[in-house]
C-alpha atoms as a PDB file:
ATOM      1  CA  MET A   1      22.172 -14.383   8.057  1.00  0.00           C
ATOM      2  CA  PHE A   2      22.114 -11.396   5.647  1.00  0.00           C
ATOM      3  CA  TYR A   3      19.775 -13.266   3.369  1.00  0.00           C
ATOM      4  CA  ASN A   4      17.355 -13.891   6.225  1.00  0.00           C
ATOM      5  CA  ILE A   5      17.489 -10.211   7.208  1.00  0.00           C
ATOM      6  CA  LEU A   6      16.768  -9.204   3.624  1.00  0.00           C
ATOM      7  CA  ILE A   7      13.822 -11.630   3.376  1.00  0.00           C
ATOM      8  CA  SER A   8      12.401 -10.296   6.677  1.00  0.00           C
ATOM      9  CA  LEU A   9      12.541  -6.692   5.362  1.00  0.00           C
ATOM     10  CA  ARG A  10      10.290  -8.012   2.501  1.00  0.00           C
ATOM     11  CA  PRO A  11      11.702  -5.908  -0.402  1.00  0.00           C
ATOM     12  CA  LYS A  12       8.936  -7.317  -2.638  1.00  0.00           C
ATOM     13  CA  GLN A  13       6.388  -5.541  -0.482  1.00  0.00           C
ATOM     14  CA  TRP A  14       8.245  -2.252  -0.974  1.00  0.00           C
ATOM     15  CA  LEU A  15       6.306  -1.961  -4.170  1.00  0.00           C
ATOM     16  CA  LYS A  16       3.478  -0.551  -2.014  1.00  0.00           C
ATOM     17  CA  ASN A  17       5.693   2.508  -1.398  1.00  0.00           C
ATOM     18  CA  ILE A  18       5.200   3.665  -4.952  1.00  0.00           C
ATOM     19  CA  PHE A  19       2.155   5.466  -3.628  1.00  0.00           C
ATOM     20  CA  VAL A  20       4.765   8.113  -2.712  1.00  0.00           C
ATOM     21  CA  LEU A  21       5.340   8.815  -6.446  1.00  0.00           C
ATOM     22  CA  PRO A  22       1.935   9.939  -7.863  1.00  0.00           C
ATOM     23  CA  ALA A  23       2.528  13.478  -6.481  1.00  0.00           C
ATOM     24  CA  LEU A  24       5.652  13.648  -8.667  1.00  0.00           C
ATOM     25  CA  VAL A  25       3.844  12.506 -11.809  1.00  0.00           C
ATOM     26  CA  PHE A  26       0.565  14.370 -11.383  1.00  0.00           C
ATOM     27  CA  SER A  27       2.146  17.711 -10.306  1.00  0.00           C
ATOM     28  CA  ASP A  28       3.752  18.031 -13.757  1.00  0.00           C
ATOM     29  CA  ASN A  29       7.274  17.669 -12.248  1.00  0.00           C
ATOM     30  CA  LEU A  30       8.261  14.296 -13.641  1.00  0.00           C
ATOM     31  CA  PHE A  31      11.186  15.687 -15.597  1.00  0.00           C
ATOM     32  CA  ASN A  32      12.404  18.035 -12.894  1.00  0.00           C
ATOM     33  CA  TYR A  33      15.526  16.394 -11.514  1.00  0.00           C
ATOM     34  CA  ILE A  34      15.253  18.181  -8.078  1.00  0.00           C
ATOM     35  CA  TYR A  35      11.766  16.904  -7.599  1.00  0.00           C
ATOM     36  CA  ILE A  36      12.796  13.422  -8.810  1.00  0.00           C
ATOM     37  CA  LEU A  37      15.593  13.369  -6.222  1.00  0.00           C
ATOM     38  CA  LYS A  38      13.210  14.427  -3.480  1.00  0.00           C
ATOM     39  CA  SER A  39      10.602  11.796  -4.485  1.00  0.00           C
ATOM     40  CA  VAL A  40      13.211   8.988  -4.645  1.00  0.00           C
ATOM     41  CA  THR A  41      14.540   9.980  -1.265  1.00  0.00           C
ATOM     42  CA  ALA A  42      11.042   9.993   0.174  1.00  0.00           C
ATOM     43  CA  LEU A  43      10.424   6.590  -1.351  1.00  0.00           C
ATOM     44  CA  LEU A  44      13.610   5.149   0.202  1.00  0.00           C
ATOM     45  CA  CYS A  45      12.615   6.600   3.568  1.00  0.00           C
ATOM     46  CA  PHE A  46       9.317   4.725   3.439  1.00  0.00           C
ATOM     47  CA  CYS A  47      11.058   1.566   2.287  1.00  0.00           C
ATOM     48  CA  ALA A  48      13.346   1.708   5.351  1.00  0.00           C
ATOM     49  CA  VAL A  49      10.507   2.361   7.774  1.00  0.00           C
ATOM     50  CA  SER A  50       8.157  -0.137   6.213  1.00  0.00           C
ATOM     51  CA  GLY A  51      10.893  -2.744   6.260  1.00  0.00           C
ATOM     52  CA  ALA A  52      11.252  -2.104   9.979  1.00  0.00           C
ATOM     53  CA  VAL A  53       7.484  -2.491  10.381  1.00  0.00           C
ATOM     54  CA  TYR A  54       7.495  -5.860   8.669  1.00  0.00           C
ATOM     55  CA  ILE A  55      10.204  -7.110  10.951  1.00  0.00           C
ATOM     56  CA  LEU A  56       8.277  -5.911  14.021  1.00  0.00           C
ATOM     57  CA  ASN A  57       5.133  -7.564  12.776  1.00  0.00           C
ATOM     58  CA  ASP A  58       6.952 -10.865  12.183  1.00  0.00           C
ATOM     59  CA  VAL A  59       8.463 -10.731  15.713  1.00  0.00           C
ATOM     60  CA  ILE A  60       5.043 -10.191  17.353  1.00  0.00           C
ATOM     61  CA  ASP A  61       3.225 -12.767  15.107  1.00  0.00           C
ATOM     62  CA  ARG A  62       5.949 -15.439  15.047  1.00  0.00           C
ATOM     63  CA  ASN A  63       3.917 -17.931  17.143  1.00  0.00           C
ATOM     64  CA  ARG A  64       0.845 -17.520  14.927  1.00  0.00           C
ATOM     65  CA  ASP A  65       2.807 -17.475  11.658  1.00  0.00           C
ATOM     66  CA  VAL A  66       3.918 -21.097  12.253  1.00  0.00           C
ATOM     67  CA  LEU A  67       0.281 -22.066  11.658  1.00  0.00           C
ATOM     68  CA  HIS A  68       0.072 -20.350   8.249  1.00  0.00           C
ATOM     69  CA  PRO A  69       0.846 -22.481   5.151  1.00  0.00           C
ATOM     70  CA  GLN A  70       3.169 -19.795   3.665  1.00  0.00           C
ATOM     71  CA  LYS A  71       4.169 -17.506   6.549  1.00  0.00           C
ATOM     72  CA  ARG A  72       5.628 -20.401   8.575  1.00  0.00           C
ATOM     73  CA  PHE A  73       8.638 -20.269   6.263  1.00  0.00           C
ATOM     74  CA  ARG A  74       9.488 -16.693   7.149  1.00  0.00           C
ATOM     75  CA  PRO A  75      12.976 -16.554   8.844  1.00  0.00           C
ATOM     76  CA  ILE A  76      11.718 -15.349  12.271  1.00  0.00           C
ATOM     77  CA  ALA A  77       8.858 -17.852  12.427  1.00  0.00           C
ATOM     78  CA  ALA A  78      11.113 -20.662  11.222  1.00  0.00           C
ATOM     79  CA  GLY A  79      13.758 -19.763  13.834  1.00  0.00           C
ATOM     80  CA  GLU A  80      16.377 -18.871  11.189  1.00  0.00           C
ATOM     81  CA  LEU A  81      16.649 -15.270  12.393  1.00  0.00           C
ATOM     82  CA  SER A  82      16.875 -14.488  16.103  1.00  0.00           C
ATOM     83  CA  VAL A  83      14.382 -12.080  17.670  1.00  0.00           C
ATOM     84  CA  SER A  84      17.161  -9.907  19.198  1.00  0.00           C
ATOM     85  CA  LEU A  85      18.890  -9.429  15.828  1.00  0.00           C
ATOM     86  CA  ALA A  86      15.610  -8.779  14.068  1.00  0.00           C
ATOM     87  CA  CYS A  87      14.712  -6.084  16.637  1.00  0.00           C
ATOM     88  CA  PHE A  88      18.136  -4.428  16.234  1.00  0.00           C
ATOM     89  CA  VAL A  89      17.744  -4.321  12.420  1.00  0.00           C
ATOM     90  CA  GLY A  90      14.191  -2.946  12.808  1.00  0.00           C
ATOM     91  CA  ILE A  91      15.361  -0.131  15.130  1.00  0.00           C
ATOM     92  CA  LEU A  92      18.288   0.673  12.827  1.00  0.00           C
ATOM     93  CA  MET A  93      16.164   0.846   9.655  1.00  0.00           C
ATOM     94  CA  SER A  94      13.375   2.930  11.246  1.00  0.00           C
ATOM     95  CA  GLY A  95      15.903   5.283  12.792  1.00  0.00           C
ATOM     96  CA  MET A  96      17.699   5.841   9.468  1.00  0.00           C
ATOM     97  CA  GLY A  97      14.465   6.291   7.508  1.00  0.00           C
ATOM     98  CA  ILE A  98      12.934   8.796   9.889  1.00  0.00           C
ATOM     99  CA  SER A  99      16.191  10.763  10.308  1.00  0.00           C
ATOM    100  CA  ILE A 100      16.577  11.217   6.567  1.00  0.00           C
ATOM    101  CA  ALA A 101      12.910  12.109   6.288  1.00  0.00           C
ATOM    102  CA  PHE A 102      13.295  14.990   8.745  1.00  0.00           C
ATOM    103  CA  ILE A 103      16.366  16.188   6.830  1.00  0.00           C
ATOM    104  CA  LEU A 104      14.430  16.108   3.568  1.00  0.00           C
ATOM    105  CA  ASP A 105      11.459  18.024   4.965  1.00  0.00           C
ATOM    106  CA  PHE A 106      10.380  18.597   8.573  1.00  0.00           C
ATOM    107  CA  SER A 107       6.690  17.996   7.831  1.00  0.00           C
ATOM    108  CA  PHE A 108       7.534  14.829   5.844  1.00  0.00           C
ATOM    109  CA  GLY A 109       9.556  13.584   8.755  1.00  0.00           C
ATOM    110  CA  TRP A 110       6.442  13.811  10.943  1.00  0.00           C
ATOM    111  CA  ILE A 111       4.486  11.851   8.324  1.00  0.00           C
ATOM    112  CA  THR A 112       6.983   8.944   8.469  1.00  0.00           C
ATOM    113  CA  LEU A 113       6.983   9.119  12.242  1.00  0.00           C
ATOM    114  CA  ILE A 114       3.151   8.967  12.287  1.00  0.00           C
ATOM    115  CA  TYR A 115       3.359   6.056   9.818  1.00  0.00           C
ATOM    116  CA  LEU A 116       5.699   4.122  12.107  1.00  0.00           C
ATOM    117  CA  SER A 117       3.600   4.908  15.217  1.00  0.00           C
ATOM    118  CA  GLN A 118       0.396   3.841  13.469  1.00  0.00           C
ATOM    119  CA  ASN A 119       1.935   0.543  12.377  1.00  0.00           C
ATOM    120  CA  ILE A 120       3.283  -0.176  15.863  1.00  0.00           C
ATOM    121  CA  ALA A 121      -0.248   0.435  17.210  1.00  0.00           C
ATOM    122  CA  TYR A 122      -1.541  -1.880  14.462  1.00  0.00           C
ATOM    123  CA  SER A 123       0.826  -4.676  15.295  1.00  0.00           C
ATOM    124  CA  ILE A 124       0.153  -4.509  19.031  1.00  0.00           C
ATOM    125  CA  TRP A 125      -3.544  -3.559  19.186  1.00  0.00           C
ATOM    126  CA  LEU A 126      -5.465  -2.266  16.168  1.00  0.00           C
ATOM    127  CA  LYS A 127      -5.200  -5.433  14.143  1.00  0.00           C
ATOM    128  CA  HIS A 128      -7.409  -7.059  16.768  1.00  0.00           C
ATOM    129  CA  VAL A 129     -10.184  -4.463  16.374  1.00  0.00           C
ATOM    130  CA  VAL A 130     -12.793  -5.284  13.706  1.00  0.00           C
ATOM    131  CA  LEU A 131     -12.889  -2.695  10.828  1.00  0.00           C
ATOM    132  CA  LEU A 132     -10.178  -0.574  12.440  1.00  0.00           C
ATOM    133  CA  ASP A 133      -7.675  -3.172  11.290  1.00  0.00           C
ATOM    134  CA  VAL A 134      -8.387  -2.681   7.604  1.00  0.00           C
ATOM    135  CA  ILE A 135      -8.897   1.089   8.026  1.00  0.00           C
ATOM    136  CA  THR A 136      -5.492   1.347   9.615  1.00  0.00           C
ATOM    137  CA  ILE A 137      -3.903  -0.470   6.652  1.00  0.00           C
ATOM    138  CA  ALA A 138      -5.652   1.985   4.260  1.00  0.00           C
ATOM    139  CA  VAL A 139      -4.397   4.918   6.267  1.00  0.00           C
ATOM    140  CA  GLY A 140      -0.869   3.614   5.851  1.00  0.00           C
ATOM    141  CA  PHE A 141      -1.250   3.846   2.117  1.00  0.00           C
ATOM    142  CA  LEU A 142      -2.813   7.296   2.449  1.00  0.00           C
ATOM    143  CA  LEU A 143       0.184   8.508   4.498  1.00  0.00           C
ATOM    144  CA  ARG A 144       2.532   7.377   1.718  1.00  0.00           C
ATOM    145  CA  ALA A 145       0.552   9.341  -0.884  1.00  0.00           C
ATOM    146  CA  VAL A 146       0.199  12.444   1.283  1.00  0.00           C
ATOM    147  CA  GLY A 147       3.840  12.166   2.274  1.00  0.00           C
ATOM    148  CA  GLY A 148       4.836  12.219  -1.407  1.00  0.00           C
ATOM    149  CA  GLY A 149       3.022  15.525  -1.867  1.00  0.00           C
ATOM    150  CA  ILE A 150       4.401  17.045   1.308  1.00  0.00           C
ATOM    151  CA  ALA A 151       7.973  16.138   0.433  1.00  0.00           C
ATOM    152  CA  LEU A 152       7.561  18.028  -2.851  1.00  0.00           C
ATOM    153  CA  GLN A 153       5.483  20.796  -1.268  1.00  0.00           C
ATOM    154  CA  VAL A 154       2.825  20.428  -3.974  1.00  0.00           C
ATOM    155  CA  PRO A 155      -0.984  20.685  -3.351  1.00  0.00           C
ATOM    156  CA  ILE A 156      -2.984  17.474  -2.960  1.00  0.00           C
ATOM    157  CA  SER A 157      -6.408  16.897  -4.384  1.00  0.00           C
ATOM    158  CA  THR A 158      -9.257  15.790  -2.023  1.00  0.00           C
ATOM    159  CA  TRP A 159     -10.467  13.305  -4.687  1.00  0.00           C
ATOM    160  CA  PHE A 160      -6.948  11.929  -5.006  1.00  0.00           C
ATOM    161  CA  ILE A 161      -6.821  11.345  -1.258  1.00  0.00           C
ATOM    162  CA  LEU A 162     -10.251   9.622  -1.253  1.00  0.00           C
ATOM    163  CA  CYS A 163      -9.343   7.494  -4.254  1.00  0.00           C
ATOM    164  CA  ILE A 164      -6.129   6.223  -2.526  1.00  0.00           C
ATOM    165  CA  PHE A 165      -8.017   5.527   0.683  1.00  0.00           C
ATOM    166  CA  THR A 166     -10.891   3.618  -0.951  1.00  0.00           C
ATOM    167  CA  LEU A 167      -8.476   1.571  -3.139  1.00  0.00           C
ATOM    168  CA  ALA A 168      -6.309   0.633  -0.197  1.00  0.00           C
ATOM    169  CA  LEU A 169      -9.373  -0.269   1.894  1.00  0.00           C
ATOM    170  CA  PHE A 170     -10.598  -2.393  -1.032  1.00  0.00           C
ATOM    171  CA  LEU A 171      -7.291  -4.340  -1.148  1.00  0.00           C
ATOM    172  CA  ALA A 172      -7.251  -4.774   2.635  1.00  0.00           C
ATOM    173  CA  CYS A 173     -10.769  -6.220   2.615  1.00  0.00           C
ATOM    174  CA  VAL A 174      -9.963  -8.563  -0.236  1.00  0.00           C
ATOM    175  CA  LYS A 175      -6.937  -9.717   1.723  1.00  0.00           C
ATOM    176  CA  ARG A 176      -9.099 -10.519   4.778  1.00  0.00           C
ATOM    177  CA  ARG A 177     -11.565 -12.424   2.575  1.00  0.00           C
ATOM    178  CA  GLN A 178      -8.880 -14.552   0.971  1.00  0.00           C
ATOM    179  CA  GLU A 179      -7.258 -15.270   4.358  1.00  0.00           C
ATOM    180  CA  ILE A 180     -10.584 -16.719   5.595  1.00  0.00           C
ATOM    181  CA  LEU A 181     -10.820 -18.928   2.492  1.00  0.00           C
ATOM    182  CA  VAL A 182      -7.229 -20.089   2.459  1.00  0.00           C
ATOM    183  CA  LEU A 183      -6.821 -20.727   6.213  1.00  0.00           C
ATOM    184  CA  LYS A 184     -10.316 -22.180   6.701  1.00  0.00           C
ATOM    185  CA  ASP A 185     -10.542 -23.743  10.202  1.00  0.00           C
ATOM    186  CA  ASP A 186      -7.115 -22.333  11.151  1.00  0.00           C
ATOM    187  CA  ALA A 187      -8.104 -18.786  10.277  1.00  0.00           C
ATOM    188  CA  VAL A 188      -8.885 -17.657  13.835  1.00  0.00           C
ATOM    189  CA  ALA A 189      -5.816 -19.383  15.222  1.00  0.00           C
ATOM    190  CA  HIS A 190      -3.647 -17.399  12.789  1.00  0.00           C
ATOM    191  CA  ARG A 191      -5.438 -14.047  13.028  1.00  0.00           C
ATOM    192  CA  ILE A 192      -8.008 -13.643  15.816  1.00  0.00           C
ATOM    193  CA  ILE A 193      -9.805 -10.802  13.992  1.00  0.00           C
ATOM    194  CA  LEU A 194     -10.846 -13.132  11.144  1.00  0.00           C
ATOM    195  CA  GLY A 195     -13.397 -14.661  13.483  1.00  0.00           C
ATOM    196  CA  GLN A 196     -15.281 -11.398  13.499  1.00  0.00           C
ATOM    197  CA  TYR A 197     -15.607 -11.206   9.690  1.00  0.00           C
ATOM    198  CA  SER A 198     -17.905 -13.244   7.424  1.00  0.00           C
ATOM    199  CA  LEU A 199     -17.652 -13.786   3.701  1.00  0.00           C
ATOM    200  CA  PRO A 200     -21.085 -12.197   2.917  1.00  0.00           C
ATOM    201  CA  PHE A 201     -20.168  -9.075   4.806  1.00  0.00           C
ATOM    202  CA  LEU A 202     -16.749  -8.737   3.173  1.00  0.00           C
ATOM    203  CA  ASN A 203     -18.254  -9.438  -0.283  1.00  0.00           C
ATOM    204  CA  GLN A 204     -20.657  -6.559   0.222  1.00  0.00           C
ATOM    205  CA  VAL A 205     -17.960  -4.186   1.477  1.00  0.00           C
ATOM    206  CA  ILE A 206     -15.735  -5.091  -1.424  1.00  0.00           C
ATOM    207  CA  SER A 207     -18.568  -4.231  -3.887  1.00  0.00           C
ATOM    208  CA  ILE A 208     -19.135  -0.888  -2.244  1.00  0.00           C
ATOM    209  CA  LEU A 209     -15.454  -0.038  -2.253  1.00  0.00           C
ATOM    210  CA  THR A 210     -15.045  -1.014  -5.878  1.00  0.00           C
ATOM    211  CA  ALA A 211     -17.759   1.470  -6.879  1.00  0.00           C
ATOM    212  CA  ALA A 212     -16.385   4.160  -4.501  1.00  0.00           C
ATOM    213  CA  THR A 213     -12.846   3.791  -5.902  1.00  0.00           C
ATOM    214  CA  LEU A 214     -14.024   4.125  -9.487  1.00  0.00           C
ATOM    215  CA  VAL A 215     -16.201   7.167  -8.721  1.00  0.00           C
ATOM    216  CA  CYS A 216     -13.460   8.956  -6.756  1.00  0.00           C
ATOM    217  CA  TYR A 217     -10.890   8.301  -9.443  1.00  0.00           C
ATOM    218  CA  SER A 218     -13.199   9.414 -12.192  1.00  0.00           C
ATOM    219  CA  LEU A 219     -14.031  12.690 -10.448  1.00  0.00           C
ATOM    220  CA  TYR A 220     -10.316  13.234  -9.854  1.00  0.00           C
ATOM    221  CA  ALA A 221      -9.366  12.425 -13.466  1.00  0.00           C
ATOM    222  CA  MET A 222     -12.082  14.708 -14.873  1.00  0.00           C
ATOM    223  CA  GLY A 223     -10.861  17.654 -12.832  1.00  0.00           C
ATOM    224  CA  VAL A 224     -13.976  18.052 -10.634  1.00  0.00           C
ATOM    225  CA  GLY A 225     -13.593  20.452  -7.762  1.00  0.00           C
ATOM    226  CA  ASP A 226     -10.037  20.959  -6.472  1.00  0.00           C
ATOM    227  CA  SER A 227      -8.643  18.011  -8.454  1.00  0.00           C
ATOM    228  CA  ARG A 228      -7.254  20.431 -11.066  1.00  0.00           C
ATOM    229  CA  VAL A 229      -4.384  21.180  -8.764  1.00  0.00           C
ATOM    230  CA  LEU A 230      -2.771  17.904  -9.610  1.00  0.00           C
ATOM    231  CA  VAL A 231      -4.169  16.736 -12.883  1.00  0.00           C
ATOM    232  CA  SER A 232      -4.595  17.446 -16.577  1.00  0.00           C
ATOM    233  CA  LYS A 233      -8.132  17.546 -18.047  1.00  0.00           C
ATOM    234  CA  GLN A 234      -7.123  14.795 -20.453  1.00  0.00           C
ATOM    235  CA  MET A 235      -6.727  12.317 -17.606  1.00  0.00           C
ATOM    236  CA  GLU A 236     -10.244  11.035 -18.288  1.00  0.00           C
ATOM    237  CA  TRP A 237      -8.657   8.785 -20.907  1.00  0.00           C
ATOM    238  CA  THR A 238      -7.149   6.741 -18.042  1.00  0.00           C
ATOM    239  CA  ILE A 239     -10.547   5.877 -16.545  1.00  0.00           C
ATOM    240  CA  PRO A 240     -11.170   2.758 -18.764  1.00  0.00           C
ATOM    241  CA  PHE A 241      -7.853   1.270 -17.528  1.00  0.00           C
ATOM    242  CA  VAL A 242      -8.848   1.798 -13.943  1.00  0.00           C
ATOM    243  CA  LEU A 243     -12.281   0.199 -14.549  1.00  0.00           C
ATOM    244  CA  TYR A 244     -10.695  -2.817 -16.281  1.00  0.00           C
ATOM    245  CA  GLY A 245      -8.071  -3.148 -13.577  1.00  0.00           C
ATOM    246  CA  LEU A 246     -10.742  -3.220 -10.829  1.00  0.00           C
ATOM    247  CA  LEU A 247     -12.786  -5.743 -12.715  1.00  0.00           C
ATOM    248  CA  ARG A 248      -9.770  -7.886 -13.512  1.00  0.00           C
ATOM    249  CA  TYR A 249      -8.845  -7.927  -9.834  1.00  0.00           C
ATOM    250  CA  LEU A 250     -12.335  -8.926  -8.816  1.00  0.00           C
ATOM    251  CA  TYR A 251     -12.130 -11.795 -11.388  1.00  0.00           C
ATOM    252  CA  ILE A 252      -8.907 -12.937  -9.911  1.00  0.00           C
ATOM    253  CA  VAL A 253     -10.415 -12.958  -6.428  1.00  0.00           C
ATOM    254  CA  TYR A 254     -13.768 -14.572  -7.149  1.00  0.00           C
ATOM    255  CA  GLU A 255     -12.897 -16.909 -10.058  1.00  0.00           C
ATOM    256  CA  ASP A 256      -9.244 -17.787  -9.505  1.00  0.00           C
ATOM    257  CA  GLY A 257      -9.298 -17.682  -5.705  1.00  0.00           C
ATOM    258  CA  ARG A 258      -6.246 -15.422  -5.458  1.00  0.00           C
ATOM    259  CA  GLY A 259      -5.746 -12.004  -3.918  1.00  0.00           C
ATOM    260  CA  GLU A 260      -4.366 -12.692  -0.439  1.00  0.00           C
ATOM    261  CA  ASN A 261      -1.170 -10.977  -1.458  1.00  0.00           C
ATOM    262  CA  PRO A 262      -1.983  -7.930  -3.772  1.00  0.00           C
ATOM    263  CA  THR A 263       1.734  -7.426  -4.598  1.00  0.00           C
ATOM    264  CA  SER A 264       2.096 -10.973  -5.915  1.00  0.00           C
ATOM    265  CA  VAL A 265      -1.098 -10.629  -7.965  1.00  0.00           C
ATOM    266  CA  ILE A 266       0.224  -7.579  -9.756  1.00  0.00           C
ATOM    267  CA  PHE A 267       3.571  -9.276 -10.433  1.00  0.00           C
ATOM    268  CA  GLU A 268       2.081 -12.519 -11.580  1.00  0.00           C
ATOM    269  CA  ASP A 269      -1.071 -11.629 -13.540  1.00  0.00           C
ATOM    270  CA  LYS A 270      -0.050 -10.483 -17.024  1.00  0.00           C
ATOM    271  CA  PRO A 271      -3.329  -8.753 -17.973  1.00  0.00           C
ATOM    272  CA  LEU A 272      -3.341  -6.699 -14.785  1.00  0.00           C
ATOM    273  CA  LYS A 273       0.402  -5.933 -15.176  1.00  0.00           C
ATOM    274  CA  CYS A 274      -0.231  -4.716 -18.694  1.00  0.00           C
ATOM    275  CA  THR A 275      -3.182  -2.626 -17.558  1.00  0.00           C
ATOM    276  CA  VAL A 276      -1.072  -0.843 -14.913  1.00  0.00           C
ATOM    277  CA  ILE A 277       1.643  -0.111 -17.500  1.00  0.00           C
ATOM    278  CA  LEU A 278      -0.893   1.205 -20.056  1.00  0.00           C
ATOM    279  CA  TRP A 279      -2.573   3.312 -17.420  1.00  0.00           C
ATOM    280  CA  LEU A 280       0.816   4.831 -16.483  1.00  0.00           C
ATOM    281  CA  ILE A 281       1.714   5.549 -20.146  1.00  0.00           C
ATOM    282  CA  THR A 282      -1.655   7.100 -20.843  1.00  0.00           C
ATOM    283  CA  ALA A 283      -1.446   9.269 -17.721  1.00  0.00           C
ATOM    284  CA  ILE A 284       2.026  10.494 -18.578  1.00  0.00           C
ATOM    285  CA  VAL A 285       1.039  11.251 -22.211  1.00  0.00           C
ATOM    286  CA  SER A 286      -2.159  12.973 -20.965  1.00  0.00           C
ATOM    287  CA  ILE A 287      -0.220  15.224 -18.595  1.00  0.00           C
ATOM    288  CA  TYR A 288       2.974  15.883 -20.542  1.00  0.00           C
ATOM    289  CA  GLY A 289       2.166  15.096 -24.157  1.00  0.00           C
ATOM    290  CA  ILE A 290      -1.181  16.741 -24.801  1.00  0.00           C
ATOM    291  CA  PRO A 291      -1.426  20.544 -24.986  1.00  0.00           C
ATOM    292  CA  LYS A 292      -3.518  21.874 -22.128  1.00  0.00           C
END
């Protein structure tokens, strides 16, 4: 039972919550133990709430998940975890996460509450509205990043916000594209909204978002406009890693046929994993190791 509950909380997907941490790194507070404690607490709050969201989504989608080649093995869809117990765990996790968030910072508490409300709206309604479905997913990532800054009470760059949003929207559109390819004739039966997307449209959107993400990150890294509030001027050295990472991801999608699960791709693809690590090392050295 406990194993099925843990699987339903999808701890592997909690990797997405690391979007809470950039504010800690880029605000020049990485070695401040008080800020570290606040960031880790904020991260755990989002892990708890996002775990509850995954359970809610599995409960609502259990009848459609049985048609999916991988999702049919999820505990709720497979009947290994009862709906009543799943709902209880979801309420408990979300309640704990939001309560701790309000204790950490009142404004941050509202961010987690908005995140939960948005995801409930997504599970019930927004995922059936074309374009709003992927935009809602991207907003979820944006709330994590903004929440990380609010929890620490540090300023947040406009370019940083736009970069997170375009990157998250890029990943969401790739996910939709790969779902259409993997599910084929069963795509609409599993997710109704897939019937309103076409591969040519998604391919074009993905191309636009790739360019937008690179431009926004480059402007942020070079300290254009208000981006100096959270960045060192030497951050431009990280741009090549972001460029390669985007191109590598596109290669994985178009040549290898993967990308339906972004988290799995990052864990399984060694070149992409190495790129993320090198980007992080370069960013830390740029901010903390190079005289400004």
